[in-house]
Amino acid sequence: MDGTDNGAAQSRSEWAEAAEREAARRRLLEQAEADRVPVDDTTRAVPDRRWRRDHP
Protein backbone atom coordinates (compact mmCIF):
# COMPACT_ATOMS: atom_id res chain seq x y z
CA MET A 1 0.00 0.00 0.00
CA ASP A 2 1.96 2.94 -1.24
CA GLY A 3 -1.06 5.23 -1.53
CA THR A 4 -1.15 5.51 -5.32
CA ASP A 5 -4.53 3.78 -5.56
CA ASN A 6 -5.93 6.10 -2.92
CA GLY A 7 -4.66 9.13 -4.84
CA ALA A 8 -6.18 7.88 -8.08
CA ALA A 9 -9.49 7.20 -6.36
CA GLN A 10 -9.45 10.68 -4.86
CA SER A 11 -8.65 12.17 -8.25
CA ARG A 12 -11.58 10.31 -9.84
CA SER A 13 -13.79 11.41 -6.97
CA GLU A 14 -12.78 15.05 -7.42
CA TRP A 15 -13.36 14.79 -11.17
CA ALA A 16 -16.82 13.29 -10.61
CA GLU A 17 -17.72 16.05 -8.13
CA ALA A 18 -16.56 18.72 -10.57
CA ALA A 19 -18.65 17.14 -13.34
CA GLU A 20 -21.70 17.05 -11.04
CA ARG A 21 -21.20 20.71 -10.10
CA GLU A 22 -20.93 21.68 -13.77
CA ALA A 23 -24.08 19.70 -14.64
CA ALA A 24 -25.96 21.34 -11.77
CA ARG A 25 -24.74 24.78 -12.85
CA ARG A 26 -25.95 24.17 -16.40
CA ARG A 27 -29.34 22.94 -15.15
CA LEU A 28 -29.75 26.05 -13.02
CA LEU A 29 -28.83 28.33 -15.92
CA GLU A 30 -31.24 26.53 -18.25
CA GLN A 31 -34.03 26.78 -15.67
CA ALA A 32 -33.32 30.48 -15.06
CA GLU A 33 -33.40 31.14 -18.80
CA ALA A 34 -36.71 29.27 -19.12
CA ASP A 35 -38.21 31.25 -16.20
CA ARG A 36 -36.88 34.61 -17.40
CA VAL A 37 -39.49 37.18 -18.42
CA PRO A 38 -38.38 39.26 -21.42
CA VAL A 39 -38.20 43.00 -20.83
CA ASP A 40 -40.79 43.61 -23.55
CA ASP A 41 -43.33 41.52 -21.59
CA THR A 42 -43.02 43.52 -18.39
CA THR A 43 -45.12 46.55 -17.59
CA ARG A 44 -43.78 49.84 -16.41
CA ALA A 45 -44.94 51.16 -13.06
CA VAL A 46 -46.96 54.34 -13.50
CA PRO A 47 -47.40 56.58 -10.46
CA ASP A 48 -50.94 57.11 -9.29
CA ARG A 49 -51.52 60.87 -9.32
CA ARG A 50 -55.27 60.90 -8.79
CA TRP A 51 -54.80 62.25 -5.27
CA ARG A 52 -53.63 65.57 -6.75
CA ARG A 53 -57.00 66.09 -8.46
CA ASP A 54 -58.81 65.52 -5.15
CA HIS A 55 -56.81 68.17 -3.32
CA PRO A 56 -56.45 71.56 -5.03
PDB file of N, CA and C in Angstrom:
ATOM      1  N   MET A   1       0.836  -1.183   0.000  1.00  0.00           N
ATOM      2  CA  MET A   1       0.000   0.000   0.000  1.00  0.00           C
ATOM      3  C   MET A   1       0.883   1.250   0.000  1.00  0.00           C
ATOM      4  N   ASP A   2       1.137   1.746  -1.153  1.00  0.00           N
ATOM      5  CA  ASP A   2       1.961   2.941  -1.239  1.00  0.00           C
ATOM      6  C   ASP A   2       1.136   4.209  -1.406  1.00  0.00           C
ATOM      7  N   GLY A   3      -0.201   4.074  -1.486  1.00  0.00           N
ATOM      8  CA  GLY A   3      -1.065   5.230  -1.528  1.00  0.00           C
ATOM      9  C   GLY A   3      -1.399   5.696  -2.931  1.00  0.00           C
ATOM     10  N   THR A   4      -0.858   5.075  -3.962  1.00  0.00           N
ATOM     11  CA  THR A   4      -1.153   5.513  -5.321  1.00  0.00           C
ATOM     12  C   THR A   4      -2.592   5.216  -5.693  1.00  0.00           C
ATOM     13  N   ASP A   5      -3.135   4.091  -5.261  1.00  0.00           N
ATOM     14  CA  ASP A   5      -4.534   3.782  -5.560  1.00  0.00           C
ATOM     15  C   ASP A   5      -5.458   4.774  -4.870  1.00  0.00           C
ATOM     16  N   ASN A   6      -5.119   5.141  -3.649  1.00  0.00           N
ATOM     17  CA  ASN A   6      -5.929   6.100  -2.919  1.00  0.00           C
ATOM     18  C   ASN A   6      -5.920   7.451  -3.623  1.00  0.00           C
ATOM     19  N   GLY A   7      -4.766   7.860  -4.123  1.00  0.00           N
ATOM     20  CA  GLY A   7      -4.661   9.134  -4.838  1.00  0.00           C
ATOM     21  C   GLY A   7      -5.454   9.112  -6.129  1.00  0.00           C
ATOM     22  N   ALA A   8      -5.425   7.994  -6.836  1.00  0.00           N
ATOM     23  CA  ALA A   8      -6.181   7.879  -8.079  1.00  0.00           C
ATOM     24  C   ALA A   8      -7.673   7.896  -7.794  1.00  0.00           C
ATOM     25  N   ALA A   9      -8.076   7.219  -6.729  1.00  0.00           N
ATOM     26  CA  ALA A   9      -9.494   7.202  -6.363  1.00  0.00           C
ATOM     27  C   ALA A   9      -9.946   8.601  -5.973  1.00  0.00           C
ATOM     28  N   GLN A  10      -9.104   9.312  -5.256  1.00  0.00           N
ATOM     29  CA  GLN A  10      -9.449  10.675  -4.858  1.00  0.00           C
ATOM     30  C   GLN A  10      -9.534  11.566  -6.092  1.00  0.00           C
ATOM     31  N   SER A  11      -8.624  11.380  -7.030  1.00  0.00           N
ATOM     32  CA  SER A  11      -8.646  12.171  -8.249  1.00  0.00           C
ATOM     33  C   SER A  11      -9.932  11.912  -9.036  1.00  0.00           C
ATOM     34  N   ARG A  12     -10.334  10.642  -9.149  1.00  0.00           N
ATOM     35  CA  ARG A  12     -11.578  10.311  -9.842  1.00  0.00           C
ATOM     36  C   ARG A  12     -12.769  10.901  -9.105  1.00  0.00           C
ATOM     37  N   SER A  13     -12.710  10.858  -7.786  1.00  0.00           N
ATOM     38  CA  SER A  13     -13.790  11.415  -6.970  1.00  0.00           C
ATOM     39  C   SER A  13     -13.907  12.925  -7.185  1.00  0.00           C
ATOM     40  N   GLU A  14     -12.768  13.605  -7.194  1.00  0.00           N
ATOM     41  CA  GLU A  14     -12.776  15.047  -7.415  1.00  0.00           C
ATOM     42  C   GLU A  14     -13.290  15.379  -8.808  1.00  0.00           C
ATOM     43  N   TRP A  15     -12.888  14.578  -9.805  1.00  0.00           N
ATOM     44  CA  TRP A  15     -13.355  14.793 -11.169  1.00  0.00           C
ATOM     45  C   TRP A  15     -14.867  14.598 -11.256  1.00  0.00           C
ATOM     46  N   ALA A  16     -15.383  13.558 -10.594  1.00  0.00           N
ATOM     47  CA  ALA A  16     -16.823  13.288 -10.609  1.00  0.00           C
ATOM     48  C   ALA A  16     -17.584  14.427  -9.939  1.00  0.00           C
ATOM     49  N   GLU A  17     -17.069  14.939  -8.821  1.00  0.00           N
ATOM     50  CA  GLU A  17     -17.722  16.053  -8.130  1.00  0.00           C
ATOM     51  C   GLU A  17     -17.728  17.304  -9.005  1.00  0.00           C
ATOM     52  N   ALA A  18     -16.628  17.554  -9.692  1.00  0.00           N
ATOM     53  CA  ALA A  18     -16.561  18.721 -10.572  1.00  0.00           C
ATOM     54  C   ALA A  18     -17.565  18.569 -11.718  1.00  0.00           C
ATOM     55  N   ALA A  19     -17.689  17.372 -12.257  1.00  0.00           N
ATOM     56  CA  ALA A  19     -18.648  17.136 -13.340  1.00  0.00           C
ATOM     57  C   ALA A  19     -20.075  17.322 -12.837  1.00  0.00           C
ATOM     58  N   GLU A  20     -20.363  16.870 -11.622  1.00  0.00           N
ATOM     59  CA  GLU A  20     -21.702  17.052 -11.039  1.00  0.00           C
ATOM     60  C   GLU A  20     -22.003  18.525 -10.809  1.00  0.00           C
ATOM     61  N   ARG A  21     -21.004  19.271 -10.315  1.00  0.00           N
ATOM     62  CA  ARG A  21     -21.205  20.709 -10.102  1.00  0.00           C
ATOM     63  C   ARG A  21     -21.480  21.417 -11.422  1.00  0.00           C
ATOM     64  N   GLU A  22     -20.733  21.062 -12.460  1.00  0.00           N
ATOM     65  CA  GLU A  22     -20.927  21.679 -13.770  1.00  0.00           C
ATOM     66  C   GLU A  22     -22.308  21.346 -14.322  1.00  0.00           C
ATOM     67  N   ALA A  23     -22.747  20.103 -14.166  1.00  0.00           N
ATOM     68  CA  ALA A  23     -24.075  19.705 -14.640  1.00  0.00           C
ATOM     69  C   ALA A  23     -25.161  20.461 -13.879  1.00  0.00           C
ATOM     70  N   ALA A  24     -24.984  20.604 -12.573  1.00  0.00           N
ATOM     71  CA  ALA A  24     -25.964  21.339 -11.768  1.00  0.00           C
ATOM     72  C   ALA A  24     -25.990  22.809 -12.171  1.00  0.00           C
ATOM     73  N   ARG A  25     -24.818  23.374 -12.435  1.00  0.00           N
ATOM     74  CA  ARG A  25     -24.744  24.784 -12.853  1.00  0.00           C
ATOM     75  C   ARG A  25     -25.480  24.979 -14.174  1.00  0.00           C
ATOM     76  N   ARG A  26     -25.267  24.065 -15.104  1.00  0.00           N
ATOM     77  CA  ARG A  26     -25.954  24.173 -16.397  1.00  0.00           C
ATOM     78  C   ARG A  26     -27.459  24.018 -16.249  1.00  0.00           C
ATOM     79  N   ARG A  27     -27.902  23.100 -15.384  1.00  0.00           N
ATOM     80  CA  ARG A  27     -29.343  22.936 -15.153  1.00  0.00           C
ATOM     81  C   ARG A  27     -29.944  24.207 -14.579  1.00  0.00           C
ATOM     82  N   LEU A  28     -29.255  24.813 -13.618  1.00  0.00           N
ATOM     83  CA  LEU A  28     -29.752  26.054 -13.020  1.00  0.00           C
ATOM     84  C   LEU A  28     -29.828  27.172 -14.052  1.00  0.00           C
ATOM     85  N   LEU A  29     -28.806  27.293 -14.892  1.00  0.00           N
ATOM     86  CA  LEU A  29     -28.829  28.333 -15.922  1.00  0.00           C
ATOM     87  C   LEU A  29     -29.945  28.097 -16.931  1.00  0.00           C
ATOM     88  N   GLU A  30     -30.156  26.839 -17.315  1.00  0.00           N
ATOM     89  CA  GLU A  30     -31.239  26.531 -18.249  1.00  0.00           C
ATOM     90  C   GLU A  30     -32.599  26.842 -17.628  1.00  0.00           C
ATOM     91  N   GLN A  31     -32.757  26.510 -16.341  1.00  0.00           N
ATOM     92  CA  GLN A  31     -34.028  26.784 -15.666  1.00  0.00           C
ATOM     93  C   GLN A  31     -34.242  28.292 -15.534  1.00  0.00           C
ATOM     94  N   ALA A  32     -33.196  29.024 -15.194  1.00  0.00           N
ATOM     95  CA  ALA A  32     -33.315  30.478 -15.062  1.00  0.00           C
ATOM     96  C   ALA A  32     -33.677  31.104 -16.404  1.00  0.00           C
ATOM     97  N   GLU A  33     -33.087  30.608 -17.473  1.00  0.00           N
ATOM     98  CA  GLU A  33     -33.397  31.144 -18.800  1.00  0.00           C
ATOM     99  C   GLU A  33     -34.845  30.833 -19.165  1.00  0.00           C
ATOM    100  N   ALA A  34     -35.321  29.646 -18.808  1.00  0.00           N
ATOM    101  CA  ALA A  34     -36.705  29.274 -19.117  1.00  0.00           C
ATOM    102  C   ALA A  34     -37.692  30.113 -18.304  1.00  0.00           C
ATOM    103  N   ASP A  35     -37.324  30.482 -17.075  1.00  0.00           N
ATOM    104  CA  ASP A  35     -38.211  31.252 -16.198  1.00  0.00           C
ATOM    105  C   ASP A  35     -38.112  32.756 -16.430  1.00  0.00           C
ATOM    106  N   ARG A  36     -37.121  33.186 -17.201  1.00  0.00           N
ATOM    107  CA  ARG A  36     -36.883  34.613 -17.404  1.00  0.00           C
ATOM    108  C   ARG A  36     -38.039  35.249 -18.171  1.00  0.00           C
ATOM    109  N   VAL A  37     -38.435  36.425 -17.735  1.00  0.00           N
ATOM    110  CA  VAL A  37     -39.486  37.181 -18.420  1.00  0.00           C
ATOM    111  C   VAL A  37     -38.796  38.246 -19.271  1.00  0.00           C
ATOM    112  N   PRO A  38     -39.020  38.242 -20.576  1.00  0.00           N
ATOM    113  CA  PRO A  38     -38.384  39.257 -21.424  1.00  0.00           C
ATOM    114  C   PRO A  38     -38.808  40.667 -21.014  1.00  0.00           C
ATOM    115  N   VAL A  39     -37.932  41.612 -21.219  1.00  0.00           N
ATOM    116  CA  VAL A  39     -38.200  42.998 -20.831  1.00  0.00           C
ATOM    117  C   VAL A  39     -39.441  43.523 -21.546  1.00  0.00           C
ATOM    118  N   ASP A  40     -39.634  43.132 -22.784  1.00  0.00           N
ATOM    119  CA  ASP A  40     -40.788  43.614 -23.545  1.00  0.00           C
ATOM    120  C   ASP A  40     -42.114  43.156 -22.940  1.00  0.00           C
ATOM    121  N   ASP A  41     -42.099  42.059 -22.181  1.00  0.00           N
ATOM    122  CA  ASP A  41     -43.328  41.523 -21.595  1.00  0.00           C
ATOM    123  C   ASP A  41     -43.642  42.111 -20.223  1.00  0.00           C
ATOM    124  N   THR A  42     -42.772  42.929 -19.700  1.00  0.00           N
ATOM    125  CA  THR A  42     -43.020  43.524 -18.388  1.00  0.00           C
ATOM    126  C   THR A  42     -43.735  44.853 -18.558  1.00  0.00           C
ATOM    127  N   THR A  43     -44.439  45.260 -17.537  1.00  0.00           N
ATOM    128  CA  THR A  43     -45.124  46.552 -17.589  1.00  0.00           C
ATOM    129  C   THR A  43     -44.360  47.551 -16.746  1.00  0.00           C
ATOM    130  N   ARG A  44     -44.474  48.780 -17.125  1.00  0.00           N
ATOM    131  CA  ARG A  44     -43.781  49.835 -16.406  1.00  0.00           C
ATOM    132  C   ARG A  44     -44.692  50.372 -15.318  1.00  0.00           C
ATOM    133  N   ALA A  45     -44.154  50.605 -14.163  1.00  0.00           N
ATOM    134  CA  ALA A  45     -44.939  51.157 -13.064  1.00  0.00           C
ATOM    135  C   ALA A  45     -45.260  52.618 -13.368  1.00  0.00           C
ATOM    136  N   VAL A  46     -46.519  52.967 -13.257  1.00  0.00           N
ATOM    137  CA  VAL A  46     -46.958  54.338 -13.500  1.00  0.00           C
ATOM    138  C   VAL A  46     -47.467  54.894 -12.183  1.00  0.00           C
ATOM    139  N   PRO A  47     -46.947  56.027 -11.740  1.00  0.00           N
ATOM    140  CA  PRO A  47     -47.395  56.579 -10.462  1.00  0.00           C
ATOM    141  C   PRO A  47     -48.870  56.978 -10.508  1.00  0.00           C
ATOM    142  N   ASP A  48     -49.527  56.770  -9.407  1.00  0.00           N
ATOM    143  CA  ASP A  48     -50.937  57.106  -9.289  1.00  0.00           C
ATOM    144  C   ASP A  48     -51.039  58.552  -8.806  1.00  0.00           C
ATOM    145  N   ARG A  49     -51.483  59.452  -9.668  1.00  0.00           N
ATOM    146  CA  ARG A  49     -51.523  60.872  -9.325  1.00  0.00           C
ATOM    147  C   ARG A  49     -52.946  61.378  -9.123  1.00  0.00           C
ATOM    148  N   ARG A  50     -53.888  60.470  -8.963  1.00  0.00           N
ATOM    149  CA  ARG A  50     -55.275  60.895  -8.789  1.00  0.00           C
ATOM    150  C   ARG A  50     -55.460  61.732  -7.539  1.00  0.00           C
ATOM    151  N   TRP A  51     -54.654  61.512  -6.527  1.00  0.00           N
ATOM    152  CA  TRP A  51     -54.798  62.255  -5.268  1.00  0.00           C
ATOM    153  C   TRP A  51     -54.608  63.751  -5.495  1.00  0.00           C
ATOM    154  N   ARG A  52     -53.842  64.142  -6.491  1.00  0.00           N
ATOM    155  CA  ARG A  52     -53.634  65.573  -6.751  1.00  0.00           C
ATOM    156  C   ARG A  52     -54.910  66.247  -7.255  1.00  0.00           C
ATOM    157  N   ARG A  53     -55.740  65.526  -7.972  1.00  0.00           N
ATOM    158  CA  ARG A  53     -57.003  66.090  -8.458  1.00  0.00           C
ATOM    159  C   ARG A  53     -57.972  66.282  -7.304  1.00  0.00           C
ATOM    160  N   ASP A  54     -57.893  65.434  -6.296  1.00  0.00           N
ATOM    161  CA  ASP A  54     -58.810  65.524  -5.147  1.00  0.00           C
ATOM    162  C   ASP A  54     -58.478  66.698  -4.230  1.00  0.00           C
ATOM    163  N   HIS A  55     -57.233  67.106  -4.215  1.00  0.00           N
ATOM    164  CA  HIS A  55     -56.812  68.167  -3.319  1.00  0.00           C
ATOM    165  C   HIS A  55     -56.210  69.318  -4.109  1.00  0.00           C
ATOM    166  N   PRO A  56     -56.946  70.417  -4.240  1.00  0.00           N
ATOM    167  CA  PRO A  56     -56.453  71.565  -5.032  1.00  0.00           C
ATOM    168  C   PRO A  56     -55.257  72.245  -4.399  1.00  0.00           C
TER     169      PRO A  56
END
